[in-house]
Amino acid sequence: MDVKNTVLEIMNKEGKPLSAGQIAEISGLDRKQVDKVMKSLKQENLIVSPKRCYWEPKK
């Protein structure tokens, strides 16, 4: 499974806004890799930020 799907799956499973650090901790992925994927997801408009530095999947 690619990293984008992993990040989105974790966000959906947790059911609450998460920071990049929390996602990296849960997934075991490198923080820089998570940051890169989240930047891409933001550009694709797949995630939104309900509060600063926390992200959730767009509904």
N, C-alpha and C. Protein backbone atom coordinates (compact mmCIF):
# COMPACT_ATOMS: atom_id res chain seq x y z
N MET A 1 0.85 -1.17 0.00
CA MET A 1 0.00 0.00 0.00
C MET A 1 0.90 1.24 0.00
N ASP A 2 0.52 2.25 -0.75
CA ASP A 2 1.36 3.44 -0.79
C ASP A 2 1.12 4.32 0.44
N VAL A 3 2.01 5.26 0.65
CA VAL A 3 1.99 6.10 1.85
C VAL A 3 0.75 6.98 1.91
N LYS A 4 0.29 7.50 0.76
CA LYS A 4 -0.92 8.34 0.75
C LYS A 4 -2.11 7.58 1.31
N ASN A 5 -2.30 6.37 0.83
CA ASN A 5 -3.43 5.57 1.31
C ASN A 5 -3.28 5.24 2.79
N THR A 6 -2.05 4.98 3.24
CA THR A 6 -1.81 4.70 4.65
C THR A 6 -2.20 5.88 5.52
N VAL A 7 -1.78 7.08 5.12
CA VAL A 7 -2.08 8.29 5.88
C VAL A 7 -3.59 8.53 5.92
N LEU A 8 -4.26 8.43 4.78
CA LEU A 8 -5.71 8.63 4.74
C LEU A 8 -6.45 7.58 5.57
N GLU A 9 -5.97 6.34 5.51
CA GLU A 9 -6.60 5.26 6.27
C GLU A 9 -6.49 5.52 7.78
N ILE A 10 -5.33 5.98 8.22
CA ILE A 10 -5.13 6.30 9.64
C ILE A 10 -6.05 7.44 10.05
N MET A 11 -6.15 8.48 9.22
CA MET A 11 -7.02 9.62 9.53
C MET A 11 -8.48 9.17 9.65
N ASN A 12 -8.92 8.34 8.74
CA ASN A 12 -10.30 7.86 8.77
C ASN A 12 -10.54 6.97 9.99
N LYS A 13 -9.58 6.10 10.31
CA LYS A 13 -9.74 5.17 11.41
C LYS A 13 -9.78 5.89 12.76
N GLU A 14 -8.95 6.91 12.94
CA GLU A 14 -8.90 7.63 14.21
C GLU A 14 -10.16 8.45 14.45
N GLY A 15 -10.74 9.00 13.38
CA GLY A 15 -11.99 9.74 13.52
C GLY A 15 -11.87 11.09 14.19
N LYS A 16 -10.66 11.63 14.27
CA LYS A 16 -10.44 12.95 14.85
C LYS A 16 -9.27 13.60 14.12
N PRO A 17 -9.18 14.92 14.17
CA PRO A 17 -8.05 15.60 13.52
C PRO A 17 -6.72 15.18 14.14
N LEU A 18 -5.72 14.95 13.29
CA LEU A 18 -4.41 14.50 13.74
C LEU A 18 -3.32 15.41 13.20
N SER A 19 -2.22 15.50 13.95
CA SER A 19 -1.06 16.24 13.47
C SER A 19 -0.17 15.26 12.69
N ALA A 20 0.76 15.80 11.93
CA ALA A 20 1.69 14.96 11.17
C ALA A 20 2.51 14.08 12.11
N GLY A 21 2.88 14.61 13.25
CA GLY A 21 3.65 13.84 14.23
C GLY A 21 2.87 12.65 14.76
N GLN A 22 1.59 12.86 15.03
CA GLN A 22 0.74 11.76 15.51
C GLN A 22 0.60 10.68 14.44
N ILE A 23 0.43 11.10 13.19
CA ILE A 23 0.30 10.14 12.10
C ILE A 23 1.59 9.34 11.95
N ALA A 24 2.73 10.02 12.03
CA ALA A 24 4.02 9.34 11.92
C ALA A 24 4.19 8.32 13.05
N GLU A 25 3.77 8.70 14.26
CA GLU A 25 3.88 7.82 15.41
C GLU A 25 2.99 6.58 15.26
N ILE A 26 1.77 6.78 14.83
CA ILE A 26 0.82 5.68 14.67
C ILE A 26 1.26 4.73 13.56
N SER A 27 1.70 5.30 12.44
CA SER A 27 2.02 4.50 11.26
C SER A 27 3.42 3.90 11.28
N GLY A 28 4.31 4.52 12.05
CA GLY A 28 5.70 4.06 12.05
C GLY A 28 6.50 4.60 10.88
N LEU A 29 5.89 5.51 10.12
CA LEU A 29 6.57 6.13 8.99
C LEU A 29 7.45 7.27 9.48
N ASP A 30 8.41 7.68 8.65
CA ASP A 30 9.26 8.81 8.95
C ASP A 30 8.45 10.11 8.89
N ARG A 31 8.69 11.02 9.82
CA ARG A 31 7.94 12.29 9.89
C ARG A 31 8.06 13.09 8.60
N LYS A 32 9.26 13.13 8.02
CA LYS A 32 9.45 13.90 6.77
C LYS A 32 8.62 13.31 5.64
N GLN A 33 8.52 12.00 5.61
CA GLN A 33 7.72 11.32 4.58
C GLN A 33 6.25 11.67 4.77
N VAL A 34 5.78 11.69 6.01
CA VAL A 34 4.39 12.03 6.31
C VAL A 34 4.12 13.48 5.91
N ASP A 35 5.04 14.40 6.24
CA ASP A 35 4.88 15.81 5.87
C ASP A 35 4.75 15.97 4.36
N LYS A 36 5.57 15.26 3.63
CA LYS A 36 5.56 15.33 2.15
C LYS A 36 4.21 14.84 1.60
N VAL A 37 3.73 13.74 2.12
CA VAL A 37 2.45 13.18 1.67
C VAL A 37 1.30 14.11 2.04
N MET A 38 1.35 14.69 3.23
CA MET A 38 0.27 15.59 3.65
C MET A 38 0.24 16.84 2.79
N LYS A 39 1.40 17.33 2.40
CA LYS A 39 1.45 18.49 1.51
C LYS A 39 0.76 18.14 0.19
N SER A 40 1.04 16.95 -0.33
CA SER A 40 0.42 16.50 -1.57
C SER A 40 -1.10 16.36 -1.40
N LEU A 41 -1.54 15.80 -0.27
CA LEU A 41 -2.97 15.63 -0.01
C LEU A 41 -3.68 16.98 0.10
N LYS A 42 -2.99 17.98 0.69
CA LYS A 42 -3.56 19.32 0.78
C LYS A 42 -3.76 19.91 -0.62
N GLN A 43 -2.77 19.73 -1.48
CA GLN A 43 -2.85 20.27 -2.84
C GLN A 43 -3.96 19.59 -3.63
N GLU A 44 -4.20 18.32 -3.35
CA GLU A 44 -5.27 17.58 -4.03
C GLU A 44 -6.63 17.83 -3.38
N ASN A 45 -6.64 18.63 -2.31
CA ASN A 45 -7.87 18.99 -1.61
C ASN A 45 -8.56 17.77 -1.00
N LEU A 46 -7.77 16.81 -0.50
CA LEU A 46 -8.32 15.61 0.11
C LEU A 46 -8.37 15.69 1.63
N ILE A 47 -7.62 16.65 2.22
CA ILE A 47 -7.65 16.84 3.66
C ILE A 47 -7.89 18.31 3.97
N VAL A 48 -8.48 18.55 5.13
CA VAL A 48 -8.76 19.93 5.58
C VAL A 48 -8.25 20.09 7.02
N SER A 49 -8.04 21.33 7.41
CA SER A 49 -7.54 21.63 8.74
C SER A 49 -8.62 22.34 9.57
N PRO A 50 -9.23 21.63 10.53
CA PRO A 50 -10.22 22.26 11.39
C PRO A 50 -9.59 23.18 12.43
N LYS A 51 -8.33 22.93 12.77
CA LYS A 51 -7.57 23.80 13.65
C LYS A 51 -6.10 23.72 13.27
N ARG A 52 -5.35 24.71 13.65
CA ARG A 52 -3.96 24.83 13.24
C ARG A 52 -3.15 23.56 13.52
N CYS A 53 -2.45 23.09 12.49
CA CYS A 53 -1.53 21.95 12.57
C CYS A 53 -2.23 20.60 12.74
N TYR A 54 -3.53 20.54 12.64
CA TYR A 54 -4.25 19.29 12.72
C TYR A 54 -5.07 19.11 11.45
N TRP A 55 -5.12 17.89 10.97
CA TRP A 55 -5.76 17.62 9.67
C TRP A 55 -6.71 16.43 9.78
N GLU A 56 -7.72 16.45 8.91
CA GLU A 56 -8.66 15.36 8.81
C GLU A 56 -9.09 15.22 7.36
N PRO A 57 -9.60 14.05 6.97
CA PRO A 57 -10.04 13.87 5.59
C PRO A 57 -11.20 14.80 5.28
N LYS A 58 -11.25 15.30 4.05
CA LYS A 58 -12.36 16.15 3.64
C LYS A 58 -13.61 15.29 3.50
N LYS A 59 -14.72 15.82 3.98
CA LYS A 59 -15.97 15.05 3.93
C LYS A 59 -16.82 15.43 2.78
